[in-house]
Protein backbone atom coordinates (compact mmCIF):
# COMPACT_ATOMS: atom_id res chain seq x y z
CA MET A 1 0.01 0.19 -0.11
CA ILE A 2 1.35 3.57 -1.07
CA ARG A 3 0.86 6.07 1.62
CA VAL A 4 -0.01 9.30 0.24
CA GLY A 5 0.19 12.85 1.42
CA VAL A 6 -1.56 15.92 0.04
CA VAL A 7 -0.45 19.44 0.35
CA GLY A 8 -3.18 22.08 -0.13
CA ALA A 9 -5.50 19.40 0.73
CA ALA A 10 -8.47 22.09 1.52
CA GLY A 11 -8.50 23.41 -1.90
CA LYS A 12 -10.54 22.47 -4.66
CA MET A 13 -7.97 20.57 -6.38
CA GLY A 14 -6.49 19.11 -3.25
CA SER A 15 -9.82 17.81 -2.03
CA THR A 16 -10.26 16.09 -5.30
CA VAL A 17 -6.90 14.71 -5.18
CA CYS A 18 -7.83 13.43 -1.48
CA ASP A 19 -11.05 11.62 -3.23
CA ALA A 20 -9.06 9.94 -5.80
CA VAL A 21 -6.61 8.71 -3.57
CA VAL A 22 -9.24 7.35 -1.33
CA ALA A 23 -11.04 5.68 -4.32
CA ALA A 24 -7.95 4.15 -5.93
CA ASP A 25 -6.81 0.43 -5.44
CA GLY A 26 -3.13 0.27 -3.79
CA LEU A 27 -3.20 3.75 -2.24
CA GLU A 28 -4.06 5.03 1.06
CA LEU A 29 -4.65 8.77 2.13
CA ALA A 30 -2.15 9.00 5.51
CA ALA A 31 -1.87 12.89 5.69
CA ALA A 32 -3.43 16.32 4.50
CA VAL A 33 -1.66 19.65 4.97
CA ASP A 34 -3.15 23.25 4.23
CA VAL A 35 -2.47 26.28 6.43
CA VAL A 36 -5.66 27.84 5.33
CA GLY A 37 -8.15 24.80 6.35
CA SER A 38 -5.81 23.53 8.98
CA GLY A 39 -7.61 22.06 11.75
CA GLY A 40 -10.24 20.85 9.74
CA SER A 41 -10.97 17.19 8.36
CA ILE A 42 -10.98 15.19 5.07
CA HIS A 43 -11.69 11.35 4.78
CA GLY A 44 -10.95 11.19 8.45
CA ILE A 45 -7.76 12.78 8.36
CA THR A 46 -6.98 16.16 10.33
CA ILE A 47 -5.79 18.51 8.05
CA ALA A 48 -2.63 19.89 9.53
CA ALA A 49 -0.75 23.16 9.42
CA ASP A 50 2.79 21.95 9.47
CA LEU A 51 4.96 19.80 6.60
CA LYS A 52 6.26 17.69 9.69
CA ALA A 53 2.47 16.05 9.55
CA LEU A 54 3.93 14.55 6.24
CA VAL A 55 6.93 12.79 7.93
CA ASP A 56 5.02 11.69 11.15
CA ALA A 57 2.42 10.02 8.86
CA LYS A 58 5.30 7.98 6.91
CA CYS A 59 4.08 9.11 3.42
CA ASP A 60 5.71 7.35 0.72
CA VAL A 61 4.48 10.23 -2.10
CA VAL A 62 3.36 13.62 -1.42
CA VAL A 63 0.79 15.20 -4.06
CA ASP A 64 1.14 19.14 -4.23
CA PHE A 65 -1.01 21.21 -5.90
CA THR A 66 -0.72 24.49 -4.44
CA VAL A 67 1.63 27.82 -5.75
CA ALA A 68 4.99 28.01 -7.08
CA ALA A 69 6.00 30.02 -3.62
CA SER A 70 4.66 27.31 -1.57
CA ALA A 71 6.12 24.39 -3.44
CA ARG A 72 9.55 26.31 -3.32
CA THR A 73 9.52 25.32 0.34
CA THR A 74 7.69 21.79 0.11
CA LEU A 75 9.61 20.16 -2.65
CA PRO A 76 13.08 20.49 -0.81
CA PHE A 77 11.54 19.56 2.61
CA LEU A 78 10.07 16.31 1.03
CA ALA A 79 13.55 15.63 -0.85
CA LEU A 80 15.17 16.06 2.57
CA HIS A 81 13.00 13.39 4.15
CA GLY A 82 13.46 10.94 1.19
CA ILE A 83 9.47 11.46 0.05
CA HIS A 84 8.59 11.00 -3.26
CA ALA A 85 6.76 14.22 -4.90
CA VAL A 86 3.87 14.62 -7.66
CA VAL A 87 3.52 17.90 -8.56
CA GLY A 88 0.72 19.86 -10.51
CA THR A 89 1.82 23.25 -9.16
CA THR A 90 3.45 25.66 -12.01
CA GLY A 91 5.40 28.76 -12.41
CA PHE A 92 8.81 27.22 -11.62
CA SER A 93 11.93 28.97 -13.00
CA ASP A 94 14.82 27.14 -14.50
CA ASP A 95 16.46 27.84 -11.30
CA ASP A 96 13.96 26.36 -9.16
CA LEU A 97 14.18 23.09 -11.44
CA ALA A 98 18.06 22.83 -10.89
CA LEU A 99 17.36 23.05 -7.54
CA PHE A 100 14.73 20.17 -7.46
CA ARG A 101 17.17 18.37 -9.59
CA SER A 102 20.04 18.50 -7.27
CA ALA A 103 17.89 17.80 -4.08
CA PHE A 104 16.11 14.97 -5.36
CA THR A 105 18.65 12.61 -5.09
CA GLY A 106 17.19 10.03 -2.52
CA SER A 107 14.08 10.28 -3.67
CA ASN A 108 12.17 11.23 -6.70
CA CYS A 109 9.69 14.06 -8.16
CA LEU A 110 7.61 14.51 -11.12
CA ILE A 111 6.57 17.71 -12.42
CA ALA A 112 3.84 17.68 -14.67
CA ALA A 113 1.99 20.99 -16.41
CA ASN A 114 -1.23 18.97 -16.74
CA PHE A 115 -2.10 15.23 -15.87
CA ALA A 116 -5.19 14.63 -18.08
CA ILE A 117 -4.34 12.34 -20.57
CA GLY A 118 -6.34 14.16 -23.31
CA ALA A 119 -3.95 17.41 -22.73
CA VAL A 120 -1.04 15.32 -22.70
CA LEU A 121 -2.32 13.98 -26.27
CA MET A 122 -3.20 17.50 -27.18
CA MET A 123 0.43 19.01 -26.43
CA LYS A 124 2.16 15.96 -28.23
CA PHE A 125 0.02 16.32 -31.33
CA ALA A 126 0.94 20.20 -31.55
CA GLU A 127 4.43 19.16 -31.42
CA GLN A 128 4.02 16.81 -34.21
CA ALA A 129 2.03 19.55 -36.51
CA ALA A 130 4.39 22.39 -35.58
CA PRO A 131 6.79 21.83 -38.53
CA TYR A 132 3.91 21.41 -41.01
CA PHE A 133 2.73 24.92 -40.34
CA GLU A 134 3.98 28.76 -40.87
CA THR A 135 1.56 30.32 -37.84
CA ALA A 136 0.45 29.05 -34.33
CA GLU A 137 -1.48 30.59 -31.53
CA ILE A 138 -2.43 29.03 -28.14
CA ILE A 139 -5.75 30.21 -26.45
CA GLU A 140 -5.73 28.93 -23.13
CA PHE A 141 -9.24 29.39 -21.25
CA HIS A 142 -9.31 28.93 -17.41
CA HIS A 143 -11.72 29.30 -13.85
CA ASN A 144 -11.50 32.98 -12.84
CA ALA A 145 -9.77 31.94 -9.86
CA LYS A 146 -6.78 31.23 -11.47
CA ALA A 147 -4.03 33.72 -10.44
CA ASP A 148 -1.56 33.18 -13.09
CA ALA A 149 -1.32 33.48 -16.59
CA PRO A 150 -0.28 31.91 -19.17
CA SER A 151 -1.03 28.49 -17.86
CA GLY A 152 1.69 26.24 -17.34
CA THR A 153 0.15 23.84 -20.11
CA ALA A 154 0.22 26.58 -22.39
CA MET A 155 3.74 27.27 -22.00
CA ALA A 156 4.80 24.03 -21.82
CA THR A 157 2.86 23.40 -25.12
CA ALA A 158 4.43 26.74 -26.99
CA GLN A 159 7.95 25.28 -25.76
CA ARG A 160 7.63 21.88 -27.33
CA MET A 161 6.26 23.50 -30.45
CA ALA A 162 9.11 26.13 -30.74
CA ALA A 163 11.64 23.11 -30.23
CA ALA A 164 9.62 20.94 -32.83
CA SER A 165 9.87 24.06 -35.46
CA ASP A 166 11.71 27.42 -35.53
CA GLU A 167 10.56 28.51 -38.75
CA TRP A 168 7.45 30.62 -37.93
CA ALA A 169 5.87 33.49 -40.05
CA ALA A 170 6.77 37.04 -38.43
CA ASP A 171 3.66 38.47 -36.82
CA PRO A 172 2.10 41.55 -39.48
CA THR A 173 0.46 43.42 -36.69
CA LYS A 174 1.73 47.39 -37.04
CA HIS A 175 -0.58 48.69 -34.19
CA GLU A 176 -2.43 47.16 -31.15
CA VAL A 177 -5.44 49.22 -30.57
CA ILE A 178 -5.78 48.33 -27.08
CA PRO A 179 -1.91 47.11 -26.02
CA GLY A 180 -1.87 43.36 -25.51
CA ALA A 181 -4.67 42.73 -28.21
CA ARG A 182 -2.47 40.15 -29.66
CA GLY A 183 -1.62 38.53 -26.51
CA GLY A 184 1.57 37.63 -25.32
CA VAL A 185 4.86 36.44 -26.62
CA GLY A 186 5.85 32.90 -25.94
CA PRO A 187 8.46 30.49 -26.95
CA GLY A 188 9.60 30.85 -30.56
CA GLY A 189 7.59 33.88 -30.84
CA ILE A 190 4.18 31.88 -30.50
CA ARG A 191 1.34 34.04 -29.30
CA VAL A 192 -0.57 32.90 -26.34
CA HIS A 193 -3.90 34.27 -24.95
CA GLY A 194 -5.28 33.66 -21.63
CA VAL A 195 -8.86 33.83 -20.77
CA ARG A 196 -10.41 33.90 -17.23
CA MET A 197 -13.92 33.23 -16.86
CA VAL A 198 -16.79 32.24 -14.53
CA GLY A 199 -18.03 28.79 -15.48
CA MET A 200 -14.87 27.53 -17.25
CA THR A 201 -12.46 24.70 -15.53
CA ALA A 202 -9.48 24.51 -17.98
CA SER A 203 -9.46 24.30 -21.90
CA GLN A 204 -6.98 25.01 -24.59
CA GLU A 205 -6.66 25.73 -28.35
CA VAL A 206 -3.86 25.35 -30.27
CA ILE A 207 -4.51 26.92 -34.09
CA LEU A 208 -2.03 26.37 -36.60
CA GLY A 209 -2.17 27.93 -40.21
CA THR A 210 -0.70 27.63 -43.47
CA ALA A 211 -1.62 28.82 -46.94
CA GLY A 212 -5.40 27.84 -47.47
CA GLN A 213 -5.53 25.84 -44.32
CA THR A 214 -6.05 26.00 -40.44
CA LEU A 215 -5.81 22.98 -37.84
CA VAL A 216 -7.11 23.55 -34.60
CA ILE A 217 -6.28 21.25 -31.85
CA ARG A 218 -8.45 21.54 -28.52
CA HIS A 219 -8.74 19.93 -25.17
CA ASP A 220 -11.40 20.70 -22.65
CA SER A 221 -11.49 19.81 -18.75
CA ASN A 222 -14.96 20.02 -17.93
CA ASP A 223 -14.50 18.90 -14.16
CA ARG A 224 -11.10 18.62 -11.88
CA VAL A 225 -11.64 14.66 -11.97
CA SER A 226 -10.26 14.66 -15.77
CA PHE A 227 -6.40 15.11 -13.83
CA MET A 228 -7.23 12.29 -11.36
CA PRO A 229 -6.07 9.03 -13.61
CA GLY A 230 -2.77 10.97 -14.50
CA VAL A 231 -2.38 12.11 -10.51
CA VAL A 232 -3.02 8.42 -9.56
CA LEU A 233 -0.91 6.85 -12.30
CA ALA A 234 2.02 9.21 -10.89
CA CYS A 235 1.70 8.27 -7.42
CA ARG A 236 2.03 4.59 -8.30
CA LYS A 237 4.97 5.18 -10.92
CA VAL A 238 7.19 7.92 -9.30
CA ALA A 239 9.38 5.53 -7.19
CA ASP A 240 10.15 3.96 -10.62
CA LEU A 241 11.63 7.39 -12.44
CA PRO A 242 14.93 8.21 -10.62
CA GLY A 243 15.28 11.91 -9.90
CA LEU A 244 13.21 14.97 -11.29
CA THR A 245 10.55 13.94 -14.45
CA MET A 246 8.85 16.49 -16.32
CA GLY A 247 5.29 15.48 -17.38
CA ILE A 248 3.42 12.06 -17.45
CA ASP A 249 4.16 11.41 -21.27
CA SER A 250 6.84 8.50 -20.35
CA LEU A 251 4.31 6.95 -17.94
CA LEU A 252 1.56 6.61 -20.97
């Protein structure tokens, strides 16, 4: 039985992770940590405020869906105590990743921009299509409580597309009537647009164009449960992935 702890357990994503762990064969919810929700309970586990609860509960794996500022403290703590980490938090810098890579020597860490199987396929398809098109833009849609923009998924998609092709047509725009109307300039000059909307969960469109045709690759997560099969899979497999792993592609 794999003992799992969840950081950010009182949040919507964290509580969904707790539900998924309890429902999954071979996993046991051993600890829950969240400063905001400390003192409450979830599935009979008291939500703690201190990361020490993860050690006291003898967690094998800890899932972190918080924010980068918080995870920068949590992940080195887990590495120090030999606990594997499964991370859905985004916004890490190259320096952060270098630190995590050097820290996780006695245990492993998997960081994924998106745990939904369909989103992983969307990124892969966009990467494969990139060399055959001259222009590309990404539009990501998220709920209105998401604090960062663009999303980690959008940035990861742009990075993979830019690595697959460096032959993108120049943006012909000469004047933005409203500054920012053309979105942000991402890797490879690919434009990325972030939408924050009441009623959304998480969606993304990759639009590619060349002479006389366009290709649209879209993925929709209509509920947070869409991420849970990937999270459960990562919890089961992270012990077999030495050091730092980016994305769940290698698990599929």
